[in-house]
């Protein structure tokens, strides 16, 4: 789920970089592996260990996805 972006570097050249995926609820970084498991079909991560209990991430993610889609 990483997004490739063009980054400006001081040499004036542009290079391709990667941005780690983020939780759409609290904006915390999450790993690629976490995003693969818990992201919805649109690649959005609605819950992470920073903003929900580890045992309930899947449930909270489902609830938040449902709330944002209404």
C-alpha atoms as a PDB file:
ATOM      1  CA  UNK A   1       0.000   0.000   0.000  1.00  0.00           C
ATOM      2  CA  UNK A   2       2.971   2.328  -0.258  1.00  0.00           C
ATOM      3  CA  UNK A   3       2.584   5.294  -2.508  1.00  0.00           C
ATOM      4  CA  UNK A   4       5.445   6.190  -4.790  1.00  0.00           C
ATOM      5  CA  UNK A   5       6.112   9.896  -5.066  1.00  0.00           C
ATOM      6  CA  UNK A   6       8.644  12.069  -6.800  1.00  0.00           C
ATOM      7  CA  UNK A   7      10.943  13.728  -4.282  1.00  0.00           C
ATOM      8  CA  UNK A   8      13.071  16.794  -4.912  1.00  0.00           C
ATOM      9  CA  UNK A   9      16.635  16.406  -3.733  1.00  0.00           C
ATOM     10  CA  UNK A  10      19.221  19.201  -3.305  1.00  0.00           C
ATOM     11  CA  UNK A  11      21.122  18.109  -6.421  1.00  0.00           C
ATOM     12  CA  UNK A  12      18.145  19.263  -8.475  1.00  0.00           C
ATOM     13  CA  UNK A  13      17.364  15.726  -9.581  1.00  0.00           C
ATOM     14  CA  UNK A  14      14.046  14.089  -8.928  1.00  0.00           C
ATOM     15  CA  UNK A  15      13.945  10.606  -7.448  1.00  0.00           C
ATOM     16  CA  UNK A  16      11.185   8.171  -6.666  1.00  0.00           C
ATOM     17  CA  UNK A  17      10.526   7.619  -2.967  1.00  0.00           C
ATOM     18  CA  UNK A  18       8.106   5.603  -0.914  1.00  0.00           C
ATOM     19  CA  UNK A  19       5.718   6.830   1.729  1.00  0.00           C
ATOM     20  CA  UNK A  20       4.581   4.432   4.406  1.00  0.00           C
ATOM     21  CA  UNK A  21       0.830   3.905   4.651  1.00  0.00           C
ATOM     22  CA  UNK A  22      -1.012   5.811   7.386  1.00  0.00           C
ATOM     23  CA  UNK A  23      -4.060   5.243   9.545  1.00  0.00           C
ATOM     24  CA  UNK A  24      -6.903   7.337   8.138  1.00  0.00           C
ATOM     25  CA  UNK A  25      -8.338   7.805  11.635  1.00  0.00           C
ATOM     26  CA  UNK A  26      -5.335   9.061  13.649  1.00  0.00           C
ATOM     27  CA  UNK A  27      -2.766   9.616  10.835  1.00  0.00           C
ATOM     28  CA  UNK A  28      -0.148   7.337  12.465  1.00  0.00           C
ATOM     29  CA  UNK A  29       2.290   5.367  10.304  1.00  0.00           C
ATOM     30  CA  UNK A  30       1.492   1.690   9.795  1.00  0.00           C
ATOM     31  CA  UNK A  31       3.609  -0.965   8.122  1.00  0.00           C
ATOM     32  CA  UNK A  32       2.958  -2.357   4.642  1.00  0.00           C
ATOM     33  CA  UNK A  33       2.146  -5.707   6.238  1.00  0.00           C
ATOM     34  CA  UNK A  34      -0.391  -4.105   8.625  1.00  0.00           C
ATOM     35  CA  UNK A  35      -2.033  -2.274   5.711  1.00  0.00           C
ATOM     36  CA  UNK A  36      -2.260  -5.487   3.656  1.00  0.00           C
ATOM     37  CA  UNK A  37      -4.108  -7.203   6.506  1.00  0.00           C
ATOM     38  CA  UNK A  38      -6.351  -4.437   7.832  1.00  0.00           C
ATOM     39  CA  UNK A  39      -6.962  -2.045   4.910  1.00  0.00           C
ATOM     40  CA  UNK A  40     -10.334  -2.084   3.181  1.00  0.00           C
ATOM     41  CA  UNK A  41     -10.843  -2.706  -0.540  1.00  0.00           C
ATOM     42  CA  UNK A  42      -9.890   0.928  -1.242  1.00  0.00           C
ATOM     43  CA  UNK A  43      -6.614   0.714   0.681  1.00  0.00           C
ATOM     44  CA  UNK A  44      -7.818   2.790   3.630  1.00  0.00           C
ATOM     45  CA  UNK A  45      -6.666   1.813   7.122  1.00  0.00           C
ATOM     46  CA  UNK A  46      -9.387   2.926   9.546  1.00  0.00           C
ATOM     47  CA  UNK A  47      -7.797   1.696  12.791  1.00  0.00           C
ATOM     48  CA  UNK A  48      -4.309   0.958  14.088  1.00  0.00           C
ATOM     49  CA  UNK A  49      -2.628   0.045  17.397  1.00  0.00           C
ATOM     50  CA  UNK A  50      -2.289   3.771  18.197  1.00  0.00           C
ATOM     51  CA  UNK A  51      -6.009   4.548  18.108  1.00  0.00           C
ATOM     52  CA  UNK A  52      -7.690   1.259  19.047  1.00  0.00           C
ATOM     53  CA  UNK A  53      -7.109  -1.763  21.257  1.00  0.00           C
ATOM     54  CA  UNK A  54      -4.966  -4.423  19.579  1.00  0.00           C
ATOM     55  CA  UNK A  55      -7.605  -7.089  20.167  1.00  0.00           C
ATOM     56  CA  UNK A  56     -10.303  -5.042  18.422  1.00  0.00           C
ATOM     57  CA  UNK A  57      -8.572  -3.490  15.415  1.00  0.00           C
ATOM     58  CA  UNK A  58     -10.560  -5.477  12.851  1.00  0.00           C
ATOM     59  CA  UNK A  59     -13.883  -4.679  14.522  1.00  0.00           C
ATOM     60  CA  UNK A  60     -13.113  -0.974  14.977  1.00  0.00           C
ATOM     61  CA  UNK A  61     -11.890  -0.765  11.397  1.00  0.00           C
ATOM     62  CA  UNK A  62     -15.126  -2.315  10.128  1.00  0.00           C
ATOM     63  CA  UNK A  63     -17.237   0.054  12.233  1.00  0.00           C
ATOM     64  CA  UNK A  64     -15.336   3.166  11.096  1.00  0.00           C
ATOM     65  CA  UNK A  65     -15.460   2.069   7.456  1.00  0.00           C
ATOM     66  CA  UNK A  66     -19.220   1.623   7.735  1.00  0.00           C
ATOM     67  CA  UNK A  67     -19.606   5.061   9.395  1.00  0.00           C
ATOM     68  CA  UNK A  68     -17.615   6.866   6.688  1.00  0.00           C
ATOM     69  CA  UNK A  69     -19.502   5.173   3.862  1.00  0.00           C
ATOM     70  CA  UNK A  70     -22.948   6.323   5.111  1.00  0.00           C
END
